[in-house]
């Protein structure tokens, strides 16, 4: 009888044990879910804190981000006595200044139309401090005086004042902001900005090499409209030409390039997609790219 009672009791005890185990597993699972949820919440809070921190820029960082988006051309140069610096103003249209940002390194470059001088810089508040730079070593003839004068002005600390384009209708700097630079000896340089192609087209450029023939051709058979005659060229990593394409009519514009009909030239071009850019709205539905001159790497006079 006792044996029979124990046998009958065992299934009930087993069921109770399993139920208790199930409850324990459920509790453990709930605890684990709570811990996971808490961890996920903590991760999200940490991520949001990081994003909030990344979204906040110091005044210096904001200034650097702004001036890097433009290429600057000199518009005026006056001494501390408010007299024009003729050595610079006579060639001001070809005096350029660029700021570049690469991770934590800030660099600038400037030229009067001959050598390019490059240097690292620091910006604290509105004070620009330029370190000793490096320059190419070409003889510049009549431009030597202008180059030496600009190099002297760029030494030491300068004060920067950035003013947005008067035609800008929003909080952006617009298409042509002004950057005033007061040098260490109180001379004043005023630079006018122009958006870089990367900023203008909101995309990374693709490098192309095109040969441009001095002779233009009809844009299409039977057309009276004349177009540039171009062909693609390919170079290897060592700069050795590996292939050339066929001549064809280019019915478009290469921004920054001036055709004179007297030279056969090879151009290095940056091609920018117009997709997802404001410029796309201003272009025809057929045009998909914008072409910007990067450099003329070969030029020969046509006899």
Protein backbone atom coordinates (compact mmCIF):
# COMPACT_ATOMS: atom_id res chain seq x y z
CA UNK A 1 0.00 0.00 0.00
CA UNK A 2 2.82 2.32 0.91
CA UNK A 3 4.56 1.53 -2.35
CA UNK A 4 1.36 2.27 -4.23
CA UNK A 5 0.98 5.62 -2.38
CA UNK A 6 4.55 6.62 -3.24
CA UNK A 7 4.05 5.62 -6.84
CA UNK A 8 0.96 7.76 -7.05
CA UNK A 9 2.73 10.66 -5.36
CA UNK A 10 5.77 10.71 -7.66
CA UNK A 11 3.98 12.05 -10.77
CA UNK A 12 2.50 14.90 -8.72
CA UNK A 13 5.89 15.76 -7.20
CA UNK A 14 7.48 15.63 -10.64
CA UNK A 15 4.80 17.93 -12.04
CA UNK A 16 5.32 20.39 -9.16
CA UNK A 17 9.11 20.28 -9.70
CA UNK A 18 8.71 20.94 -13.40
CA UNK A 19 6.30 23.78 -12.70
CA UNK A 20 8.74 25.32 -10.21
CA UNK A 21 11.56 24.91 -12.70
CA UNK A 22 9.42 26.53 -15.36
CA UNK A 23 8.70 29.43 -13.04
CA UNK A 24 12.41 29.77 -12.26
CA UNK A 25 13.24 29.70 -16.01
CA UNK A 26 10.54 32.28 -16.65
CA UNK A 27 11.90 34.47 -13.85
CA UNK A 28 15.44 34.07 -15.17
CA UNK A 29 14.23 34.90 -18.68
CA UNK A 30 12.38 37.94 -17.38
CA UNK A 31 15.44 39.07 -15.47
CA UNK A 32 17.58 38.56 -18.55
CA UNK A 33 15.09 40.51 -20.68
CA UNK A 34 15.09 43.33 -18.13
CA UNK A 35 18.90 43.34 -18.03
CA UNK A 36 19.03 43.33 -21.85
CA UNK A 37 16.49 46.14 -22.03
CA UNK A 38 18.44 48.13 -19.45
CA UNK A 39 21.66 47.54 -21.38
CA UNK A 40 20.00 48.57 -24.62
CA UNK A 41 18.62 51.69 -22.98
CA UNK A 42 22.08 52.50 -21.61
CA UNK A 43 23.62 51.95 -25.04
CA UNK A 44 21.03 54.23 -26.62
CA UNK A 45 21.62 56.87 -23.98
CA UNK A 46 25.38 56.65 -24.55
CA UNK A 47 24.86 56.83 -28.31
CA UNK A 48 22.58 59.83 -27.98
CA UNK A 49 25.12 61.52 -25.71
CA UNK A 50 27.83 60.89 -28.33
CA UNK A 51 25.62 62.19 -31.12
CA UNK A 52 24.71 65.25 -29.09
CA UNK A 53 28.40 65.89 -28.44
CA UNK A 54 29.26 65.38 -32.11
CA UNK A 55 26.48 67.75 -33.11
CA UNK A 56 27.93 70.55 -31.01
CA UNK A 57 30.86 72.38 -32.60
CA UNK A 58 33.06 74.99 -31.00
CA UNK A 59 33.26 78.43 -32.56
CA UNK A 60 36.68 77.55 -34.00
CA UNK A 61 35.43 74.27 -35.47
CA UNK A 62 32.46 76.03 -37.04
CA UNK A 63 34.70 78.72 -38.51
CA UNK A 64 37.07 76.11 -39.96
CA UNK A 65 34.15 74.15 -41.42
CA UNK A 66 32.85 77.33 -43.06
CA UNK A 67 36.08 78.66 -44.56
CA UNK A 68 37.03 75.21 -45.87
CA UNK A 69 33.90 75.15 -48.07
CA UNK A 70 35.17 78.07 -50.15
CA UNK A 71 38.08 79.08 -52.36
CA UNK A 72 39.08 82.66 -51.65
CA UNK A 73 40.17 85.37 -54.11
CA UNK A 74 41.72 88.65 -52.98
CA UNK A 75 39.47 91.66 -53.57
CA UNK A 76 41.39 94.38 -51.72
CA UNK A 77 44.60 94.96 -49.79
CA UNK A 78 45.29 98.12 -47.78
CA UNK A 79 48.03 99.13 -45.37
CA UNK A 80 47.48 100.19 -41.76
CA UNK A 81 47.48 103.75 -43.14
CA UNK A 82 44.53 102.83 -45.36
CA UNK A 83 46.62 103.03 -48.54
CA UNK A 84 46.26 100.39 -51.28
CA UNK A 85 49.01 97.77 -51.41
CA UNK A 86 49.52 98.14 -55.14
CA UNK A 87 51.96 95.25 -55.37
CA UNK A 88 49.00 92.98 -54.51
CA UNK A 89 45.98 94.87 -55.83
CA UNK A 90 47.51 95.01 -59.31
CA UNK A 91 47.23 91.20 -59.53
CA UNK A 92 44.45 90.61 -56.98
CA UNK A 93 42.25 88.62 -59.38
CA UNK A 94 44.83 85.82 -59.49
CA UNK A 95 45.70 85.75 -55.78
CA UNK A 96 44.06 82.69 -54.22
CA UNK A 97 43.71 81.29 -50.70
CA UNK A 98 42.42 77.83 -49.76
CA UNK A 99 41.84 76.12 -46.42
CA UNK A 100 41.90 72.34 -46.11
CA UNK A 101 40.94 70.03 -43.28
CA UNK A 102 42.21 66.44 -42.96
CA UNK A 103 41.18 64.79 -39.71
CA UNK A 104 42.87 66.90 -37.01
CA UNK A 105 45.32 68.60 -39.38
CA UNK A 106 44.42 72.03 -40.69
CA UNK A 107 46.38 73.36 -43.65
CA UNK A 108 46.12 76.29 -46.03
CA UNK A 109 47.70 77.22 -49.34
CA UNK A 110 47.98 80.47 -51.26
CA UNK A 111 49.40 81.72 -54.52
CA UNK A 112 49.76 84.91 -56.53
CA UNK A 113 49.61 82.91 -59.75
CA UNK A 114 53.04 81.31 -59.69
CA UNK A 115 54.34 79.22 -56.78
CA UNK A 116 51.99 77.61 -54.27
CA UNK A 117 52.86 78.11 -50.60
CA UNK A 118 51.42 75.57 -48.15
CA UNK A 119 51.44 75.62 -44.35
CA UNK A 120 49.61 74.26 -41.34
CA UNK A 121 47.59 76.66 -39.23
CA UNK A 122 45.76 76.94 -35.93
CA UNK A 123 42.62 78.93 -35.22
CA UNK A 124 41.83 80.06 -31.68
CA UNK A 125 38.80 82.27 -31.27
CA UNK A 126 39.26 84.46 -34.37
CA UNK A 127 43.07 84.43 -34.34
CA UNK A 128 44.76 82.66 -37.24
CA UNK A 129 48.30 81.45 -36.55
CA UNK A 130 50.18 80.16 -39.61
CA UNK A 131 53.23 77.93 -39.20
CA UNK A 132 56.31 77.99 -41.41
CA UNK A 133 55.32 76.84 -44.88
CA UNK A 134 56.74 75.11 -47.91
CA UNK A 135 56.78 76.49 -51.43
CA UNK A 136 57.41 75.34 -54.94
CA UNK A 137 60.54 76.96 -56.39
CA UNK A 138 59.61 78.44 -59.74
CA UNK A 139 61.00 81.79 -60.84
CA UNK A 140 58.02 84.13 -61.06
CA UNK A 141 59.47 87.14 -62.88
CA UNK A 142 57.22 90.15 -62.34
CA UNK A 143 55.22 88.23 -59.74
CA UNK A 144 58.19 87.78 -57.39
CA UNK A 145 57.47 91.05 -55.57
CA UNK A 146 53.81 90.20 -55.08
CA UNK A 147 54.66 86.70 -53.85
CA UNK A 148 57.24 87.98 -51.35
CA UNK A 149 54.83 90.64 -50.10
CA UNK A 150 52.04 88.11 -49.55
CA UNK A 151 54.38 85.69 -47.78
CA UNK A 152 55.38 88.47 -45.38
CA UNK A 153 51.76 89.35 -44.65
CA UNK A 154 50.88 85.73 -43.96
CA UNK A 155 53.51 85.41 -41.24
CA UNK A 156 52.52 85.90 -37.61
CA UNK A 157 49.02 86.05 -36.19
CA UNK A 158 46.03 87.45 -38.08
CA UNK A 159 42.50 88.27 -37.03
CA UNK A 160 39.70 86.82 -39.17
CA UNK A 161 36.21 88.24 -39.65
CA UNK A 162 33.76 86.19 -41.72
CA UNK A 163 30.68 87.90 -43.17
CA UNK A 164 27.98 86.12 -45.15
CA UNK A 165 26.94 87.09 -48.66
CA UNK A 166 24.56 90.07 -48.55
CA UNK A 167 22.28 88.25 -51.00
CA UNK A 168 21.97 85.18 -48.77
CA UNK A 169 18.35 84.86 -47.63
CA UNK A 170 18.91 82.21 -44.95
CA UNK A 171 21.43 81.40 -42.24
CA UNK A 172 24.00 80.07 -44.71
CA UNK A 173 27.03 82.08 -45.81
CA UNK A 174 25.70 82.16 -49.36
CA UNK A 175 27.60 81.95 -52.62
CA UNK A 176 30.07 84.80 -52.06
CA UNK A 177 30.90 85.55 -48.40
CA UNK A 178 33.71 87.92 -47.44
CA UNK A 179 36.67 87.01 -45.24
CA UNK A 180 38.57 89.95 -43.76
CA UNK A 181 42.11 89.24 -42.56
CA UNK A 182 43.87 91.81 -40.35
CA UNK A 183 47.56 90.92 -40.32
CA UNK A 184 50.06 91.20 -37.48
CA UNK A 185 51.24 94.60 -38.78
CA UNK A 186 47.64 95.84 -39.13
CA UNK A 187 47.38 95.58 -42.91
CA UNK A 188 43.98 94.41 -44.13
CA UNK A 189 43.27 91.78 -46.79
CA UNK A 190 39.71 91.14 -47.93
CA UNK A 191 38.95 87.82 -49.63
CA UNK A 192 35.81 86.87 -51.55
CA UNK A 193 34.66 83.26 -51.29
CA UNK A 194 33.41 80.89 -53.94
CA UNK A 195 31.99 77.49 -53.06
CA UNK A 196 34.30 74.57 -53.79
CA UNK A 197 32.92 72.10 -56.34
CA UNK A 198 32.52 69.49 -53.59
CA UNK A 199 30.38 71.88 -51.56
CA UNK A 200 28.51 73.19 -54.58
CA UNK A 201 27.58 69.79 -55.99
CA UNK A 202 27.41 67.93 -52.68
CA UNK A 203 29.38 64.97 -54.01
CA UNK A 204 32.90 63.66 -54.37
CA UNK A 205 34.53 64.33 -57.71
CA UNK A 206 35.76 61.67 -60.10
CA UNK A 207 39.11 62.44 -61.76
CA UNK A 208 39.18 62.32 -65.56
CA UNK A 209 41.86 63.19 -68.10
CA UNK A 210 40.72 64.69 -71.38
CA UNK A 211 42.65 65.82 -74.42
CA UNK A 212 41.11 68.95 -75.95
CA UNK A 213 41.73 69.68 -79.61
CA UNK A 214 42.38 73.26 -80.73
CA UNK A 215 39.83 72.71 -83.50
CA UNK A 216 36.14 72.65 -82.60
CA UNK A 217 33.65 70.43 -84.42
CA UNK A 218 29.87 70.53 -85.03
CA UNK A 219 27.98 69.33 -81.96
CA UNK A 220 25.94 67.00 -84.19
CA UNK A 221 25.84 66.10 -87.86
CA UNK A 222 24.44 69.01 -89.85
CA UNK A 223 24.44 71.30 -86.81
CA UNK A 224 25.80 74.84 -86.97
CA UNK A 225 26.53 74.78 -83.23
CA UNK A 226 30.20 74.14 -82.50
CA UNK A 227 31.51 72.07 -79.61
CA UNK A 228 34.83 71.20 -78.03
CA UNK A 229 36.51 68.14 -79.49
CA UNK A 230 37.73 65.87 -76.67
CA UNK A 231 39.01 62.36 -76.10
CA UNK A 232 39.62 60.46 -72.85
CA UNK A 233 43.14 59.52 -71.76
CA UNK A 234 44.14 56.94 -69.17
CA UNK A 235 47.31 57.03 -67.06
CA UNK A 236 48.72 54.41 -64.70
CA UNK A 237 49.83 55.03 -61.12
CA UNK A 238 53.24 56.18 -62.34
CA UNK A 239 51.70 58.81 -64.59
CA UNK A 240 52.47 56.92 -67.79
CA UNK A 241 49.85 57.15 -70.52
CA UNK A 242 48.31 53.73 -71.13
CA UNK A 243 45.45 54.39 -73.55
CA UNK A 244 43.54 57.02 -75.53
CA UNK A 245 39.95 57.06 -76.65
CA UNK A 246 38.36 58.44 -79.79
CA UNK A 247 37.71 62.11 -80.53
CA UNK A 248 34.11 63.17 -79.96
CA UNK A 249 32.10 66.37 -79.60
CA UNK A 250 31.50 67.54 -76.05
CA UNK A 251 28.25 69.48 -75.81
CA UNK A 252 28.73 70.93 -72.37
CA UNK A 253 30.82 73.23 -70.21
CA UNK A 254 34.07 72.66 -68.33
CA UNK A 255 33.89 75.08 -65.44
CA UNK A 256 37.08 77.13 -65.16
CA UNK A 257 38.41 76.26 -68.61
CA UNK A 258 38.93 78.93 -71.25
CA UNK A 259 39.19 77.66 -74.82
CA UNK A 260 41.36 79.84 -77.07
CA UNK A 261 41.58 77.77 -80.27
CA UNK A 262 45.37 78.02 -80.27
CA UNK A 263 46.44 75.10 -78.12
CA UNK A 264 46.07 71.34 -77.99
CA UNK A 265 45.80 70.57 -74.30
CA UNK A 266 45.38 67.75 -71.80
CA UNK A 267 43.15 68.61 -68.85
CA UNK A 268 42.71 67.00 -65.47
CA UNK A 269 39.00 67.32 -64.73
CA UNK A 270 36.81 66.60 -61.74
CA UNK A 271 33.40 65.21 -62.69
CA UNK A 272 30.57 65.64 -60.19
CA UNK A 273 27.25 63.87 -60.18
CA UNK A 274 24.32 66.24 -60.18
CA UNK A 275 22.09 63.74 -58.40
CA UNK A 276 20.85 64.97 -55.02
CA UNK A 277 22.37 68.42 -55.50
CA UNK A 278 20.73 71.80 -55.74
CA UNK A 279 22.52 72.33 -59.03
CA UNK A 280 20.57 69.44 -60.54
CA UNK A 281 17.43 71.57 -60.49
CA UNK A 282 19.18 74.18 -62.64
CA UNK A 283 20.38 71.66 -65.23
CA UNK A 284 18.54 70.02 -68.06
CA UNK A 285 17.15 66.55 -67.61
CA UNK A 286 19.76 65.23 -70.05
CA UNK A 287 22.84 66.50 -68.24
CA UNK A 288 23.92 64.22 -65.41
CA UNK A 289 27.34 65.60 -64.50
CA UNK A 290 29.18 68.84 -63.90
CA UNK A 291 32.76 69.11 -65.16
CA UNK A 292 35.29 71.30 -63.34
CA UNK A 293 38.84 72.03 -64.48
CA UNK A 294 41.41 70.83 -61.96
CA UNK A 295 44.60 71.53 -63.93
CA UNK A 296 46.05 71.88 -67.42
CA UNK A 297 48.77 69.24 -67.46
CA UNK A 298 49.88 69.56 -71.10
CA UNK A 299 49.65 72.43 -73.58
CA UNK A 300 51.15 72.84 -77.03
CA UNK A 301 50.73 75.64 -79.54
CA UNK A 302 49.09 74.65 -82.81
CA UNK A 303 51.19 75.74 -85.78
